[in-house]
Amino acid sequence: MDSNLLNKFMKEQEQEEKQAKMQELNDKQEITMLNVDLLDEFKNHIFSAITQNKFEELKESINRSGVLSPIIVRKKNDRYEIISGHNRARCCKELGIAEIPAIIKEYDDDMAELIMIETNLAQRENILPCEKGLAYKKRLELIKKIGKENTDKASNINRLEEKFPEGTKPSLDKLAEEAEDSRTQIQRFIRLTELNDTLKNKVNDEIIGIRAGVELSYINPEEQIIINDIIDEANIKLSTAQAQKLRAVKGTITKENVLEIIKGKPKKNNQDKFTGKLQKNIWKKYKDKFANDKEFSELIDFLLENYYKNLSDERRTKWLGVILVEGSAFKLWGAVCRTAILALRGYKADNKEAICKNEKKEHDKIICSCWYGNI
């Protein structure tokens, strides 16, 4: 069997099992027929409307078979607030059906919101990632809050009092046992709630993947705005690897380094820039030849001063020599001579070895390399 067909079949089976459990619980409760004109939307509803195609399918089903599963409401003055069943109620209004089966509950605000979240997670097939993250976050918070106030109040369609007995605290592990997502997935969904609204929309629209969104959630809101603006300007889909690189530079994010990461803008090549530093191998080779940095610097200053005094401008442009400066190779351009003779105030060069006549110490030995050629 094709893997896609198998996955679709498994999802349909899970959905049917959830609906069967809901129906079994509903059968044990008193059902009342309510006028649809007395129904109000839930004030803290966090889920977006289902797609138009799904809504039309539901409306067709209700038109053909009626409302098979009662909605859940709570009484507020002379009207009723829908906790679960918003789409079914809307379908009935559009179809001109005057009454809808309902189960009336006496829930406070916390319990009503928890039931709303539980039923939507159980019944909806496709929930947007950021909505699911908010649902899991609120679900965990509400269960903890209700458990602290009165565990008995958690007797609802999911039998929370059995999952979280008095004296225990609900955890992600226990929530994962009841959900279709793993503990790690639940954590990722919850992290998405730290994104700003524009980035949440991009995750929901699959411009940013869930894992990339998780990485961006660790970046502060001001820098998230910068990232969002660059994504819009570049019109790209952000990868997880790019998001990880952005997270690595959080706190120092600018338009420039975001562009560098997202668009692969090359860094400026500074290899030819003079710094006056020595390569490590050169430093190791000559570090014992000098007593201190001052002695070394004085020698370099002496050589450079006399070099520029004794060589013409033309010869300077043709010279290619290597002179040692503070731990790295300092490149000096000058004339290429047939005979390598260096006469700089007491310093002589014979062949490739130059010895200072004014000093007898071993560390005063200087190696000068010269390349021969036409001037």
Protein backbone atom coordinates (compact mmCIF):
# COMPACT_ATOMS: atom_id res chain seq x y z
CA MET A 1 0.00 0.00 0.00
CA ASP A 2 1.23 3.48 -0.87
CA SER A 3 2.68 5.29 2.18
CA ASN A 4 0.50 8.36 1.61
CA LEU A 5 -2.65 6.24 1.44
CA LEU A 6 -1.57 4.37 4.56
CA ASN A 7 -1.00 7.61 6.48
CA LYS A 8 -4.38 8.92 5.33
CA PHE A 9 -6.05 5.68 6.42
CA MET A 10 -4.36 5.82 9.86
CA LYS A 11 -5.46 9.44 10.38
CA GLU A 12 -9.03 8.58 9.43
CA GLN A 13 -8.99 5.69 11.90
CA GLU A 14 -7.68 7.92 14.68
CA GLN A 15 -10.34 10.52 13.89
CA GLU A 16 -13.11 7.93 13.99
CA GLU A 17 -11.86 6.61 17.34
CA LYS A 18 -11.81 10.13 18.81
CA GLN A 19 -15.32 10.82 17.57
CA ALA A 20 -16.56 7.47 18.93
CA LYS A 21 -15.16 8.32 22.38
CA MET A 22 -16.78 11.75 22.23
CA GLN A 23 -20.09 10.24 21.24
CA GLU A 24 -19.89 7.66 24.05
CA LEU A 25 -19.36 10.42 26.59
CA ASN A 26 -22.11 12.55 25.09
CA ASP A 27 -24.57 9.66 25.27
CA LYS A 28 -24.14 9.63 29.06
CA GLN A 29 -25.09 13.30 29.38
CA GLU A 30 -28.38 15.11 29.04
CA ILE A 31 -28.93 16.67 25.61
CA THR A 32 -31.10 19.76 25.14
CA MET A 33 -32.32 21.31 21.88
CA LEU A 34 -31.35 25.00 21.79
CA ASN A 35 -32.40 27.79 19.43
CA VAL A 36 -29.36 28.76 17.33
CA ASP A 37 -30.25 32.45 17.73
CA LEU A 38 -29.46 32.17 21.45
CA LEU A 39 -25.89 31.05 20.84
CA ASP A 40 -22.79 33.28 21.17
CA GLU A 41 -19.18 32.64 20.15
CA PHE A 42 -16.64 31.75 22.87
CA LYS A 43 -14.80 34.92 23.89
CA ASN A 44 -11.34 33.32 24.24
CA HIS A 45 -11.42 31.09 21.17
CA ILE A 46 -7.86 30.62 19.90
CA PHE A 47 -8.46 28.57 16.75
CA SER A 48 -8.99 29.98 13.27
CA ALA A 49 -11.96 29.04 11.12
CA ILE A 50 -11.72 25.77 9.21
CA THR A 51 -11.11 25.99 5.46
CA GLN A 52 -14.04 26.74 3.21
CA ASN A 53 -13.85 23.27 1.67
CA LYS A 54 -14.02 21.62 5.09
CA PHE A 55 -16.88 23.88 6.08
CA GLU A 56 -18.85 22.98 2.96
CA GLU A 57 -18.27 19.26 3.62
CA LEU A 58 -19.55 19.67 7.19
CA LYS A 59 -22.55 21.67 6.03
CA GLU A 60 -23.41 18.99 3.45
CA SER A 61 -23.13 16.28 6.11
CA ILE A 62 -25.43 18.19 8.50
CA ASN A 63 -27.91 18.87 5.71
CA ARG A 64 -28.00 15.17 4.90
CA SER A 65 -27.85 13.58 8.35
CA GLY A 66 -28.34 16.35 10.88
CA VAL A 67 -26.01 17.24 13.77
CA LEU A 68 -24.77 13.88 15.02
CA SER A 69 -22.60 15.20 17.86
CA PRO A 70 -24.12 17.76 20.27
CA ILE A 71 -22.34 21.04 20.87
CA ILE A 72 -21.18 21.99 24.38
CA VAL A 73 -22.35 25.30 25.86
CA ARG A 74 -22.57 27.13 29.18
CA LYS A 75 -25.37 29.44 30.20
CA LYS A 76 -24.64 33.16 30.48
CA ASN A 77 -27.66 35.14 31.61
CA ASP A 78 -30.45 34.38 29.13
CA ARG A 79 -28.09 33.20 26.39
CA TYR A 80 -25.57 30.41 25.82
CA GLU A 81 -21.86 30.59 25.07
CA ILE A 82 -20.50 27.92 22.73
CA ILE A 83 -17.55 26.03 24.20
CA SER A 84 -17.35 23.36 21.51
CA GLY A 85 -19.21 23.24 18.19
CA HIS A 86 -18.80 26.67 16.62
CA ASN A 87 -18.68 25.32 13.07
CA ARG A 88 -21.70 23.06 13.58
CA ALA A 89 -23.71 26.01 14.91
CA ARG A 90 -22.64 28.18 11.96
CA CYS A 91 -23.66 25.47 9.50
CA CYS A 92 -27.11 25.23 11.11
CA LYS A 93 -27.60 28.98 10.82
CA GLU A 94 -26.65 28.95 7.14
CA LEU A 95 -28.89 25.95 6.47
CA GLY A 96 -31.81 27.56 8.25
CA ILE A 97 -31.95 24.88 10.96
CA ALA A 98 -33.63 26.50 13.96
CA GLU A 99 -32.44 24.19 16.77
CA ILE A 100 -29.27 22.30 17.54
CA PRO A 101 -28.60 19.50 20.10
CA ALA A 102 -26.48 20.79 22.99
CA ILE A 103 -25.04 19.72 26.34
CA ILE A 104 -25.27 22.51 28.91
CA LYS A 105 -22.39 22.69 31.42
CA GLU A 106 -21.78 24.83 34.48
CA TYR A 107 -18.15 25.69 33.83
CA ASP A 108 -16.13 28.64 35.09
CA ASP A 109 -13.87 30.53 32.67
CA ASP A 110 -10.82 28.29 33.18
CA MET A 111 -12.67 25.03 32.74
CA ALA A 112 -14.62 26.36 29.75
CA GLU A 113 -11.39 27.38 28.02
CA LEU A 114 -9.79 24.02 28.79
CA ILE A 115 -12.77 22.13 27.31
CA MET A 116 -12.66 24.36 24.23
CA ILE A 117 -8.97 23.51 23.72
CA GLU A 118 -9.40 19.79 24.43
CA THR A 119 -12.30 19.33 22.00
CA ASN A 120 -10.61 21.24 19.18
CA LEU A 121 -7.38 19.28 19.58
CA ALA A 122 -9.38 16.05 19.52
CA GLN A 123 -11.69 16.87 16.61
CA ARG A 124 -9.73 19.03 14.18
CA GLU A 125 -7.72 17.23 11.51
CA ASN A 126 -5.34 20.03 10.55
CA ILE A 127 -4.35 22.65 13.10
CA LEU A 128 -1.93 25.43 12.24
CA PRO A 129 1.46 24.93 13.99
CA CYS A 130 1.37 28.17 15.99
CA GLU A 131 -2.25 27.61 17.02
CA LYS A 132 -1.34 24.13 18.18
CA GLY A 133 1.57 25.58 20.15
CA LEU A 134 -0.70 28.08 21.88
CA ALA A 135 -3.27 25.34 22.56
CA TYR A 136 -0.67 23.07 24.18
CA LYS A 137 0.74 25.95 26.22
CA LYS A 138 -2.65 27.06 27.51
CA ARG A 139 -3.75 23.47 28.08
CA LEU A 140 -0.77 22.80 30.33
CA GLU A 141 -1.19 26.08 32.20
CA LEU A 142 -4.92 25.54 32.76
CA ILE A 143 -4.53 21.96 33.96
CA LYS A 144 -1.92 23.10 36.48
CA LYS A 145 -4.11 25.98 37.62
CA ILE A 146 -7.24 23.87 37.93
CA GLY A 147 -5.30 21.14 39.71
CA LYS A 148 -4.11 23.62 42.32
CA GLU A 149 -7.55 25.08 42.88
CA ASN A 150 -9.58 21.89 42.92
CA THR A 151 -8.71 18.67 41.17
CA ASP A 152 -12.37 17.59 41.22
CA LYS A 153 -13.20 20.43 38.83
CA ALA A 154 -11.15 18.59 36.20
CA SER A 155 -13.89 15.96 35.69
CA ASN A 156 -14.51 16.54 32.00
CA ILE A 157 -14.65 14.73 28.71
CA ASN A 158 -10.96 13.80 28.95
CA ARG A 159 -11.23 12.59 32.58
CA LEU A 160 -8.38 14.83 33.70
CA GLU A 161 -8.85 13.76 37.32
CA GLU A 162 -7.70 10.27 36.33
CA LYS A 163 -4.66 11.54 34.45
CA PHE A 164 -3.59 14.01 37.12
CA PRO A 165 -4.60 12.79 40.59
CA GLU A 166 -4.64 15.19 43.50
CA GLY A 167 -1.14 16.10 44.62
CA THR A 168 0.50 15.48 41.24
CA LYS A 169 1.58 17.98 38.62
CA PRO A 170 0.84 17.53 34.93
CA SER A 171 3.92 17.31 32.74
CA LEU A 172 4.76 17.33 29.07
CA ASP A 173 5.28 13.57 29.28
CA LYS A 174 1.74 13.01 30.54
CA LEU A 175 0.31 15.40 27.98
CA ALA A 176 2.21 13.57 25.24
CA GLU A 177 0.54 10.32 26.30
CA GLU A 178 -2.85 11.85 25.51
CA ALA A 179 -1.83 13.79 22.40
CA GLU A 180 -0.90 12.72 18.89
CA ASP A 181 2.44 14.53 19.20
CA SER A 182 5.56 13.44 21.09
CA ARG A 183 7.00 15.32 24.04
CA THR A 184 9.66 16.89 21.80
CA GLN A 185 7.07 17.94 19.24
CA ILE A 186 4.92 19.51 21.95
CA GLN A 187 7.94 21.48 23.20
CA ARG A 188 8.64 22.72 19.67
CA PHE A 189 5.05 23.79 19.13
CA ILE A 190 5.06 25.68 22.44
CA ARG A 191 8.32 27.46 21.51
CA LEU A 192 6.58 28.90 18.44
CA THR A 193 4.44 31.04 20.75
CA GLU A 194 7.58 33.18 21.37
CA LEU A 195 7.60 34.39 17.76
CA ASN A 196 6.06 37.70 16.78
CA ASP A 197 2.81 37.63 14.80
CA THR A 198 4.42 38.14 11.39
CA LEU A 199 6.84 35.25 11.87
CA LYS A 200 4.01 33.07 13.24
CA ASN A 201 2.11 33.71 10.03
CA LYS A 202 5.15 32.67 8.01
CA VAL A 203 5.39 29.41 9.97
CA ASN A 204 1.67 28.75 9.44
CA ASP A 205 2.10 29.54 5.71
CA GLU A 206 5.16 27.22 5.54
CA ILE A 207 7.49 30.04 4.48
CA ILE A 208 9.42 29.15 7.63
CA GLY A 209 9.58 25.54 8.77
CA ILE A 210 8.61 24.52 12.30
CA ARG A 211 12.17 23.73 13.35
CA ALA A 212 13.46 26.97 11.81
CA GLY A 213 10.71 28.81 13.68
CA VAL A 214 11.82 27.19 16.92
CA GLU A 215 15.37 28.49 16.38
CA LEU A 216 14.09 32.02 15.71
CA SER A 217 11.93 31.90 18.85
CA TYR A 218 15.08 32.30 20.98
CA ILE A 219 15.85 35.67 19.34
CA ASN A 220 14.55 38.89 20.93
CA PRO A 221 11.48 40.63 19.41
CA GLU A 222 13.42 43.59 17.98
CA GLU A 223 15.78 41.32 16.06
CA GLN A 224 12.87 39.16 14.92
CA ILE A 225 11.48 42.26 13.16
CA ILE A 226 14.78 42.70 11.29
CA ILE A 227 14.77 39.05 10.21
CA ASN A 228 11.15 39.23 9.06
CA ASP A 229 11.83 42.36 6.97
CA ILE A 230 14.81 40.71 5.24
CA ILE A 231 12.78 37.57 4.49
CA ASP A 232 10.13 39.76 2.87
CA GLU A 233 12.70 41.72 0.87
CA ALA A 234 14.57 38.61 -0.30
CA ASN A 235 11.33 36.68 -0.87
CA ILE A 236 12.85 33.39 0.30
CA LYS A 237 11.94 30.38 2.40
CA LEU A 238 14.13 30.27 5.50
CA SER A 239 15.91 26.96 6.16
CA THR A 240 16.64 25.41 9.55
CA ALA A 241 20.40 25.80 8.97
CA GLN A 242 19.99 29.51 8.28
CA ALA A 243 17.81 29.94 11.36
CA GLN A 244 20.44 28.19 13.49
CA LYS A 245 23.10 30.60 12.22
CA LEU A 246 20.84 33.55 13.06
CA ARG A 247 20.26 32.20 16.55
CA ALA A 248 24.05 31.88 16.99
CA VAL A 249 24.46 35.65 16.50
CA LYS A 250 21.42 36.72 18.53
CA GLY A 251 21.96 39.97 20.38
CA THR A 252 24.18 41.30 17.57
CA ILE A 253 21.79 40.89 14.64
CA THR A 254 21.87 43.60 11.98
CA LYS A 255 20.49 43.86 8.46
CA GLU A 256 23.98 43.20 7.11
CA ASN A 257 24.69 39.92 8.92
CA VAL A 258 21.16 38.66 8.28
CA LEU A 259 21.68 39.27 4.55
CA GLU A 260 25.05 37.57 4.78
CA ILE A 261 23.45 34.46 6.29
CA ILE A 262 20.25 34.38 4.25
CA LYS A 263 21.59 35.41 0.84
CA GLY A 264 25.10 34.05 1.25
CA LYS A 265 26.65 37.47 0.75
CA PRO A 266 30.46 36.94 0.73
CA LYS A 267 32.58 38.54 3.39
CA LYS A 268 35.09 41.20 2.40
CA ASN A 269 38.47 39.65 1.70
CA ASN A 270 40.99 41.06 4.13
CA GLN A 271 43.80 38.60 3.41
CA ASP A 272 45.99 41.20 1.65
CA LYS A 273 45.53 43.84 4.34
CA PHE A 274 48.71 44.66 6.26
CA THR A 275 48.41 44.10 10.02
CA GLY A 276 52.04 44.00 11.16
CA LYS A 277 51.54 40.57 12.71
CA LEU A 278 53.85 37.62 12.30
CA GLN A 279 52.93 34.11 11.24
CA LYS A 280 53.22 31.73 14.16
CA ASN A 281 55.91 29.54 12.59
CA ILE A 282 58.12 32.60 11.92
CA TRP A 283 57.64 33.81 15.47
CA LYS A 284 58.65 30.43 16.89
CA LYS A 285 61.74 30.37 14.69
CA TYR A 286 63.12 33.70 15.91
CA LYS A 287 61.56 34.22 19.33
CA ASP A 288 64.80 33.28 21.12
CA LYS A 289 66.91 35.67 19.05
CA PHE A 290 65.68 38.78 20.84
CA ALA A 291 65.55 39.71 24.50
CA ASN A 292 62.25 41.60 24.20
CA ASP A 293 59.77 43.21 21.78
CA LYS A 294 61.43 46.59 22.11
CA GLU A 295 64.76 45.26 20.84
CA PHE A 296 63.02 43.63 17.90
CA SER A 297 61.00 46.75 17.08
CA GLU A 298 64.11 48.94 17.21
CA LEU A 299 65.83 46.67 14.72
CA ILE A 300 62.87 46.77 12.36
CA ASP A 301 62.63 50.55 12.64
CA PHE A 302 66.37 50.82 11.94
CA LEU A 303 66.18 48.63 8.85
CA LEU A 304 63.10 50.31 7.41
CA GLU A 305 64.42 53.82 7.97
CA ASN A 306 67.66 53.09 6.16
CA TYR A 307 65.95 51.11 3.47
CA TYR A 308 63.79 54.07 2.50
CA LYS A 309 66.79 56.42 2.69
CA ASN A 310 69.05 54.34 0.45
CA LEU A 311 66.70 52.97 -2.23
CA SER A 312 65.22 55.01 -5.05
CA ASP A 313 61.48 55.09 -5.64
CA GLU A 314 61.92 53.00 -8.78
CA ARG A 315 63.90 50.28 -7.00
CA ARG A 316 61.39 50.22 -4.11
CA THR A 317 58.61 49.31 -6.49
CA LYS A 318 60.60 46.35 -7.88
CA TRP A 319 62.04 44.97 -4.64
CA LEU A 320 60.48 41.85 -3.18
CA GLY A 321 61.91 40.89 0.19
CA VAL A 322 60.77 39.46 3.44
CA ILE A 323 61.52 41.16 6.73
CA LEU A 324 60.34 40.00 10.13
CA VAL A 325 57.87 42.18 12.02
CA GLU A 326 56.24 41.19 15.38
CA GLY A 327 55.39 37.59 14.77
CA SER A 328 54.19 37.64 11.11
CA ALA A 329 55.80 38.01 7.67
CA PHE A 330 55.94 41.71 6.78
CA LYS A 331 56.13 41.99 3.00
CA LEU A 332 58.29 44.77 1.64
CA TRP A 333 58.49 45.76 -2.02
CA GLY A 334 61.76 47.05 -3.56
CA ALA A 335 64.34 46.30 -6.23
CA VAL A 336 65.48 42.84 -7.22
CA CYS A 337 69.29 42.97 -7.22
CA ARG A 338 71.88 40.85 -9.01
CA THR A 339 74.20 41.10 -6.02
CA ALA A 340 72.59 40.89 -2.53
CA ILE A 341 74.42 43.56 -0.57
CA LEU A 342 72.76 45.32 2.30
CA ALA A 343 74.63 48.24 3.86
CA LEU A 344 72.44 49.86 6.47
CA ARG A 345 74.46 51.71 9.13
CA GLY A 346 76.73 48.95 10.29
CA TYR A 347 74.76 46.01 8.89
CA LYS A 348 76.25 43.99 6.02
CA ALA A 349 74.73 41.27 3.89
CA ASP A 350 77.00 38.75 2.29
CA ASN A 351 75.14 36.12 0.25
CA LYS A 352 72.06 35.34 2.41
CA GLU A 353 73.42 36.01 5.90
CA ALA A 354 73.65 39.46 7.46
CA ILE A 355 75.60 39.96 10.69
CA CYS A 356 75.51 43.07 12.82
CA LYS A 357 79.09 44.23 13.39
CA ASN A 358 78.18 46.36 16.39
CA GLU A 359 76.86 43.44 18.44
CA LYS A 360 78.49 40.10 19.23
CA LYS A 361 75.50 38.31 20.72
CA GLU A 362 74.07 35.30 18.93
CA HIS A 363 70.59 36.84 18.73
CA ASP A 364 71.96 39.69 16.55
CA LYS A 365 72.21 37.32 13.58
CA ILE A 366 69.67 38.33 10.91
CA ILE A 367 68.57 36.26 7.93
CA CYS A 368 67.75 38.33 4.87
CA SER A 369 66.29 36.64 1.82
CA CYS A 370 66.79 38.20 -1.54
CA TRP A 371 65.56 37.26 -4.99
CA TYR A 372 67.73 37.99 -7.97
CA GLY A 373 66.55 39.53 -11.22
CA ASN A 374 66.90 42.50 -13.52
CA ILE A 375 66.38 45.94 -12.07
